[in-house]
Amino acid sequence: MLEEYSLSERRVKGIVQSNSMPPALFFYKNMKIAFLFNRLRVSKGDGIVSQALTWKRILEERGNRVDLASSWNYIDYSEYDVVQIFGKPINLLNDVIGLEMKTKNIVIAPIFDKDPNYTFSTYKFLSYLGSERLRTYNNFYALRRIRHSVKGCLVRSRYEQQVMMNVFGYSAKQCKIVMLSNGTECEPFSLERENFCLHISRLGVPGKNVKRLIEASEKYQFKLILGGMLKESEKEKFDSWIKGKHYVEYFGYLSDEKKHDLCMKAKVFALPSFIEGVGLAALEAATLGCDIVITDIGGPKEYYDGLAKTVNPKSVDEIGQAVRFFLDGNTFQPILSEHVITNYSDKKVAENLESVYKDIVSG
């Protein structure tokens, strides 16, 4: 029986893979992985950090070691099986150039949320513009520039996979789909729900499209509960959106317990965003029994396999009619919840992520 060693253990022991041994027969255990976060964190709520910490937890539950690397300390990255970088593309270039002197097993998980005002051709054009000598380059240039230096590029949907391949030149072998977990524990819920639509997000961010959702609630006369963070500079604008609206209630910033309670009560969770990577709040709501109205832009709709209403976020009527569809008695539950739990559980995502890392190490 083959003994199992991590990459760093095999280096020490001088073990190499035989050319005659099929790759599928060579096993690894207890991988040693470094997670890097490459930008300043200025708020408690950060989806990228949340994703990284979830991946750390579920990988460690399977016996792997995951270190959160800090720039304050010297770290010998050659001792890690995989070095995973999270964060914005603009910072990736220097990180990858430095790391490739130590390891070839560099993996990135870039966040690319397409602005609907720009075409993919525009992004592709911008990805060729830059000068490293003059330090005049953009996010898109950085993503294209490092494509030959990284082993893996983890994406959250088939949509993102196609973007990385067609716009930035990554190969199908590099672009690995690791869909995110549903973010909540499975528990029994009642199909007897209160007749309101729920939306939770950073409400003042234009890409969340909250203003049109409010307009839809007024036009189609459905109760809308809004929760989430507002910056001081956004409050006046938000107040103007809800002023005189009879169907809207603002609950302010919500604790995890309050979010959970509202998701267990609401009939519908609506996320008609212009810019959205996955929409974890909607995925969690689906797990807890809500029906989902989701944007037709980008990858979020892939998570629902036809068990949600997709809408053009520019259309108040499409948003309003989709919400009313569920409030008037139609539902995809509990099939939707079962679908999310089956396909996006921590266990499923951990197995997928571990398999991707092992392919990168053995490739």
Foldseek 3Di string as FASTA:
>chain_A
DDDAEEPLVCVVVVDDDDPPDPLVPHHHAQFEEEEEEFDDDDDPDDPQVVQVVLLQVLLVVRRHHYHHDDPVDDDQCLSGLAYEYEYAQLRVQVVLVVCLVRDQAYEYAHDDWDQPVDDLVVLLVLLVDDDVVVSGHDSSVSLLVCQVRHLAYEAAFVLVVCSCCVRRNHDPRRYAYQHAFLPDDFDDADLQADLAEEEEDAQQDVQQLVLLLLVLCQVLVGAYEYEYEYDPVRVVVVCVSCVPRDRYDYPYHDDPVRLLVNLRHYQEYERQGSTDRAPSSRSNSLLNHHAYEYEPPTGNVVLQVPQHHYDHSVDSVSSNVRSVVRSVPDHSPPVRNVSSCVCRHSNNSNVSVVVSSSVSSSD
